[in-house]
């Protein structure tokens, strides 16, 4: 018997105010408006993945720093 996950209301608002540092793949893909597979690859390249027992969490601060490297000046 599995557990059902509940959706986090107004996830984007939590991110704007810095209250959500770690997200799962699905949440992160929604926040950054990209596909799930691409977000997983991006998180791996950024070194932002944390394995906690059977859960994979992504550090959004590290993702933000990694994305800043691709900014056009």
Protein backbone atom coordinates (compact mmCIF):
# COMPACT_ATOMS: atom_id res chain seq x y z
CA UNK A 1 0.00 0.00 0.00
CA UNK A 2 1.54 3.28 -1.11
CA UNK A 3 1.16 6.76 0.18
CA UNK A 4 -0.50 9.44 -1.88
CA UNK A 5 1.35 12.71 -2.28
CA UNK A 6 -0.45 15.96 -1.81
CA UNK A 7 0.15 18.96 -4.04
CA UNK A 8 1.76 21.98 -2.42
CA UNK A 9 -0.56 24.96 -2.83
CA UNK A 10 1.05 27.97 -4.49
CA UNK A 11 4.47 26.38 -4.85
CA UNK A 12 5.78 29.28 -6.89
CA UNK A 13 4.94 31.74 -4.11
CA UNK A 14 6.93 29.68 -1.64
CA UNK A 15 9.94 29.81 -3.95
CA UNK A 16 9.72 33.59 -4.41
CA UNK A 17 10.04 34.16 -0.69
CA UNK A 18 12.78 31.57 -0.20
CA UNK A 19 10.78 29.21 1.99
CA UNK A 20 11.35 26.08 -0.11
CA UNK A 21 15.00 25.17 -0.52
CA UNK A 22 14.61 21.50 -1.45
CA UNK A 23 12.12 20.17 -3.98
CA UNK A 24 11.45 16.87 -5.71
CA UNK A 25 11.95 16.44 -9.43
CA UNK A 26 8.30 17.04 -10.33
CA UNK A 27 8.04 20.21 -8.26
CA UNK A 28 11.31 21.57 -9.62
CA UNK A 29 10.30 20.96 -13.21
CA UNK A 30 7.12 22.98 -12.61
CA UNK A 31 8.95 25.80 -10.85
CA UNK A 32 11.54 26.19 -13.59
CA UNK A 33 9.03 25.59 -16.41
CA UNK A 34 10.90 22.74 -18.06
CA UNK A 35 10.40 19.08 -18.75
CA UNK A 36 11.00 16.47 -16.08
CA UNK A 37 13.84 14.70 -17.89
CA UNK A 38 15.67 17.94 -18.67
CA UNK A 39 15.32 19.10 -15.06
CA UNK A 40 16.77 15.81 -13.82
CA UNK A 41 19.78 16.19 -16.10
CA UNK A 42 20.22 19.83 -15.07
CA UNK A 43 20.14 18.92 -11.37
CA UNK A 44 22.76 16.21 -11.90
CA UNK A 45 25.05 18.58 -13.82
CA UNK A 46 24.66 21.22 -11.11
CA UNK A 47 25.49 18.74 -8.34
CA UNK A 48 22.25 19.67 -6.59
CA UNK A 49 20.90 16.18 -5.88
CA UNK A 50 20.50 14.79 -2.37
CA UNK A 51 19.45 11.21 -1.68
CA UNK A 52 17.57 10.89 1.60
CA UNK A 53 16.64 7.24 2.11
CA UNK A 54 14.36 6.60 -0.89
CA UNK A 55 13.63 10.23 -1.69
CA UNK A 56 15.57 12.40 -4.13
CA UNK A 57 15.67 16.09 -3.29
CA UNK A 58 17.08 18.92 -5.39
CA UNK A 59 18.65 22.02 -3.87
CA UNK A 60 17.12 24.98 -5.68
CA UNK A 61 19.87 27.36 -4.54
CA UNK A 62 22.49 25.29 -6.37
CA UNK A 63 20.27 25.13 -9.45
CA UNK A 64 19.97 28.94 -9.43
CA UNK A 65 23.74 29.37 -9.14
CA UNK A 66 24.30 26.89 -11.98
CA UNK A 67 21.80 28.66 -14.24
CA UNK A 68 23.47 32.03 -13.61
CA UNK A 69 26.56 30.69 -15.41
CA UNK A 70 24.56 30.58 -18.66
CA UNK A 71 23.36 34.17 -18.45
CA UNK A 72 24.16 36.38 -21.44
CA UNK A 73 25.96 39.54 -20.44
